[in-house]
Amino acid sequence: MTPHNELRLLPWSGPDGKPCFLSTDGTGGPLSRLADRTESTQLDVAAELLEHAQEVLADESSAPDELRLVASDLTGALRDALRVAASRGHRLPTPGTSDHGASNEVPHLPAGAFG
């Protein structure tokens, strides 16, 4: 059986809407590369949609139908972004299990690392 940390949540659902997982050893096979590209595209679309939503919200003459459409699109983009975050977060090394020794210390990142 594949260890839990070797299952990758893929950025798409199965035909029945359930999550899809990939059993991987982390070597970056073709399906992993496709998932990486899909995640990147989903995050790019979300960033563009956020800019568009800000424009629509700033325009006081935006019609209710336009606002509803933007809200619907943002909901989908947020769902995708949360799936990417869950997938990537799941693949982060657990403290004490990294290749940098048996330290239980949590890494400290500068504020600039978060954009």
C-alpha atoms as a PDB file:
ATOM      1  CA  MET A   1       0.000   0.000   0.000  1.00  0.00           C
ATOM      2  CA  THR A   2       1.201   3.528  -0.778  1.00  0.00           C
ATOM      3  CA  PRO A   3       2.006   5.682   2.278  1.00  0.00           C
ATOM      4  CA  HIS A   4      -0.400   8.594   2.848  1.00  0.00           C
ATOM      5  CA  ASN A   5       2.225  11.223   1.983  1.00  0.00           C
ATOM      6  CA  GLU A   6       2.730   9.628  -1.441  1.00  0.00           C
ATOM      7  CA  LEU A   7      -0.886  10.166  -2.534  1.00  0.00           C
ATOM      8  CA  ARG A   8      -1.271  13.377  -4.466  1.00  0.00           C
ATOM      9  CA  LEU A   9      -4.643  15.102  -4.657  1.00  0.00           C
ATOM     10  CA  LEU A  10      -5.116  15.897  -8.331  1.00  0.00           C
ATOM     11  CA  PRO A  11      -6.574  19.244  -9.488  1.00  0.00           C
ATOM     12  CA  TRP A  12      -9.659  17.618 -11.020  1.00  0.00           C
ATOM     13  CA  SER A  13     -12.487  15.407  -9.835  1.00  0.00           C
ATOM     14  CA  GLY A  14     -13.585  12.030 -11.065  1.00  0.00           C
ATOM     15  CA  PRO A  15     -16.743  11.525 -13.127  1.00  0.00           C
ATOM     16  CA  ASP A  16     -18.815  11.167  -9.955  1.00  0.00           C
ATOM     17  CA  GLY A  17     -17.368  14.382  -8.446  1.00  0.00           C
ATOM     18  CA  LYS A  18     -15.154  12.565  -5.957  1.00  0.00           C
ATOM     19  CA  PRO A  19     -11.506  13.613  -5.494  1.00  0.00           C
ATOM     20  CA  CYS A  20      -8.858  11.907  -7.616  1.00  0.00           C
ATOM     21  CA  PHE A  21      -5.529  10.842  -6.171  1.00  0.00           C
ATOM     22  CA  LEU A  22      -2.274   9.803  -7.780  1.00  0.00           C
ATOM     23  CA  SER A  23       0.022   7.300  -6.149  1.00  0.00           C
ATOM     24  CA  THR A  24       3.485   8.668  -6.828  1.00  0.00           C
ATOM     25  CA  ASP A  25       7.038   8.275  -5.697  1.00  0.00           C
ATOM     26  CA  GLY A  26       7.721  11.957  -6.391  1.00  0.00           C
ATOM     27  CA  THR A  27       9.797  11.440  -9.531  1.00  0.00           C
ATOM     28  CA  GLY A  28       7.633  13.744 -11.651  1.00  0.00           C
ATOM     29  CA  GLY A  29       5.978  11.378 -14.102  1.00  0.00           C
ATOM     30  CA  PRO A  30       3.711  12.512 -16.959  1.00  0.00           C
ATOM     31  CA  LEU A  31       0.534  12.639 -14.843  1.00  0.00           C
ATOM     32  CA  SER A  32       2.337  14.654 -12.138  1.00  0.00           C
ATOM     33  CA  ARG A  33       3.556  17.122 -14.769  1.00  0.00           C
ATOM     34  CA  LEU A  34       0.016  17.424 -16.181  1.00  0.00           C
ATOM     35  CA  ALA A  35      -1.307  18.069 -12.672  1.00  0.00           C
ATOM     36  CA  ASP A  36       1.406  20.716 -12.117  1.00  0.00           C
ATOM     37  CA  ARG A  37       0.443  22.499 -15.357  1.00  0.00           C
ATOM     38  CA  THR A  38      -3.259  22.275 -14.514  1.00  0.00           C
ATOM     39  CA  GLU A  39      -2.693  23.729 -11.038  1.00  0.00           C
ATOM     40  CA  SER A  40      -0.622  26.556 -12.508  1.00  0.00           C
ATOM     41  CA  THR A  41      -3.350  27.346 -15.042  1.00  0.00           C
ATOM     42  CA  GLN A  42      -6.046  27.268 -12.350  1.00  0.00           C
ATOM     43  CA  LEU A  43      -4.089  29.727 -10.191  1.00  0.00           C
ATOM     44  CA  ASP A  44      -3.431  32.025 -13.184  1.00  0.00           C
ATOM     45  CA  VAL A  45      -7.145  32.029 -14.068  1.00  0.00           C
ATOM     46  CA  ALA A  46      -8.015  32.808 -10.436  1.00  0.00           C
ATOM     47  CA  ALA A  47      -5.621  35.781 -10.409  1.00  0.00           C
ATOM     48  CA  GLU A  48      -7.107  37.160 -13.640  1.00  0.00           C
ATOM     49  CA  LEU A  49     -10.630  36.620 -12.338  1.00  0.00           C
ATOM     50  CA  LEU A  50      -9.798  38.451  -9.126  1.00  0.00           C
ATOM     51  CA  GLU A  51      -8.680  41.492 -11.139  1.00  0.00           C
ATOM     52  CA  HIS A  52     -11.885  41.346 -13.198  1.00  0.00           C
ATOM     53  CA  ALA A  53     -14.028  40.997 -10.066  1.00  0.00           C
ATOM     54  CA  GLN A  54     -12.394  44.058  -8.535  1.00  0.00           C
ATOM     55  CA  GLU A  55     -13.233  46.050 -11.666  1.00  0.00           C
ATOM     56  CA  VAL A  56     -16.849  44.862 -11.661  1.00  0.00           C
ATOM     57  CA  LEU A  57     -17.248  45.655  -7.968  1.00  0.00           C
ATOM     58  CA  ALA A  58     -15.720  49.111  -8.422  1.00  0.00           C
ATOM     59  CA  ASP A  59     -18.253  49.914 -11.167  1.00  0.00           C
ATOM     60  CA  GLU A  60     -21.410  51.044  -9.395  1.00  0.00           C
ATOM     61  CA  SER A  61     -23.401  50.504 -12.595  1.00  0.00           C
ATOM     62  CA  SER A  62     -22.653  46.755 -12.700  1.00  0.00           C
ATOM     63  CA  ALA A  63     -25.854  44.811 -13.260  1.00  0.00           C
ATOM     64  CA  PRO A  64     -26.989  42.205 -10.715  1.00  0.00           C
ATOM     65  CA  ASP A  65     -26.604  39.479 -13.349  1.00  0.00           C
ATOM     66  CA  GLU A  66     -22.976  40.500 -13.902  1.00  0.00           C
ATOM     67  CA  LEU A  67     -22.314  40.475 -10.164  1.00  0.00           C
ATOM     68  CA  ARG A  68     -23.931  37.039  -9.865  1.00  0.00           C
ATOM     69  CA  LEU A  69     -21.774  35.708 -12.715  1.00  0.00           C
ATOM     70  CA  VAL A  70     -18.595  37.083 -11.125  1.00  0.00           C
ATOM     71  CA  ALA A  71     -19.592  35.554  -7.773  1.00  0.00           C
ATOM     72  CA  SER A  72     -20.200  32.202  -9.459  1.00  0.00           C
ATOM     73  CA  ASP A  73     -16.856  32.336 -11.280  1.00  0.00           C
ATOM     74  CA  LEU A  74     -15.055  33.349  -8.084  1.00  0.00           C
ATOM     75  CA  THR A  75     -16.642  30.406  -6.262  1.00  0.00           C
ATOM     76  CA  GLY A  76     -15.221  27.990  -8.837  1.00  0.00           C
ATOM     77  CA  ALA A  77     -11.803  29.645  -8.754  1.00  0.00           C
ATOM     78  CA  LEU A  78     -11.743  29.542  -4.953  1.00  0.00           C
ATOM     79  CA  ARG A  79     -12.684  25.848  -5.008  1.00  0.00           C
ATOM     80  CA  ASP A  80      -9.792  25.166  -7.404  1.00  0.00           C
ATOM     81  CA  ALA A  81      -7.326  27.268  -5.389  1.00  0.00           C
ATOM     82  CA  LEU A  82      -8.279  25.480  -2.163  1.00  0.00           C
ATOM     83  CA  ARG A  83      -7.765  22.113  -3.864  1.00  0.00           C
ATOM     84  CA  VAL A  84      -4.299  23.249  -5.051  1.00  0.00           C
ATOM     85  CA  ALA A  85      -3.465  24.479  -1.543  1.00  0.00           C
ATOM     86  CA  ALA A  86      -4.615  21.195   0.019  1.00  0.00           C
ATOM     87  CA  SER A  87      -2.623  19.163  -2.493  1.00  0.00           C
ATOM     88  CA  ARG A  88       0.547  21.190  -2.073  1.00  0.00           C
ATOM     89  CA  GLY A  89       0.186  21.425   1.695  1.00  0.00           C
ATOM     90  CA  HIS A  90      -0.223  17.676   1.937  1.00  0.00           C
ATOM     91  CA  ARG A  91       3.057  17.193   0.067  1.00  0.00           C
ATOM     92  CA  LEU A  92       5.081  19.454   2.392  1.00  0.00           C
ATOM     93  CA  PRO A  93       7.511  17.576   4.609  1.00  0.00           C
ATOM     94  CA  THR A  94       6.370  17.040   8.163  1.00  0.00           C
ATOM     95  CA  PRO A  95       8.729  18.548  10.766  1.00  0.00           C
ATOM     96  CA  GLY A  96      11.354  15.990  11.649  1.00  0.00           C
ATOM     97  CA  THR A  97      10.961  14.009   8.401  1.00  0.00           C
ATOM     98  CA  SER A  98      12.880  16.197   5.965  1.00  0.00           C
ATOM     99  CA  ASP A  99      16.176  15.303   4.338  1.00  0.00           C
ATOM    100  CA  HIS A 100      17.905  17.904   6.526  1.00  0.00           C
ATOM    101  CA  GLY A 101      18.292  15.677   9.565  1.00  0.00           C
ATOM    102  CA  ALA A 102      16.000  14.618  12.355  1.00  0.00           C
ATOM    103  CA  SER A 103      15.296  18.098  13.660  1.00  0.00           C
ATOM    104  CA  ASN A 104      11.787  18.787  14.933  1.00  0.00           C
ATOM    105  CA  GLU A 105      12.188  22.513  14.363  1.00  0.00           C
ATOM    106  CA  VAL A 106       9.697  24.274  12.137  1.00  0.00           C
ATOM    107  CA  PRO A 107      11.356  26.292   9.348  1.00  0.00           C
ATOM    108  CA  HIS A 108      11.112  30.063   9.663  1.00  0.00           C
ATOM    109  CA  LEU A 109      10.497  31.975   6.452  1.00  0.00           C
ATOM    110  CA  PRO A 110      10.903  35.725   5.931  1.00  0.00           C
ATOM    111  CA  ALA A 111       7.685  37.670   5.351  1.00  0.00           C
ATOM    112  CA  GLY A 112       8.758  38.260   1.726  1.00  0.00           C
ATOM    113  CA  ALA A 113       8.369  34.529   1.046  1.00  0.00           C
ATOM    114  CA  PHE A 114       4.607  34.968   1.193  1.00  0.00           C
ATOM    115  CA  GLY A 115       4.377  37.547  -1.570  1.00  0.00           C
END
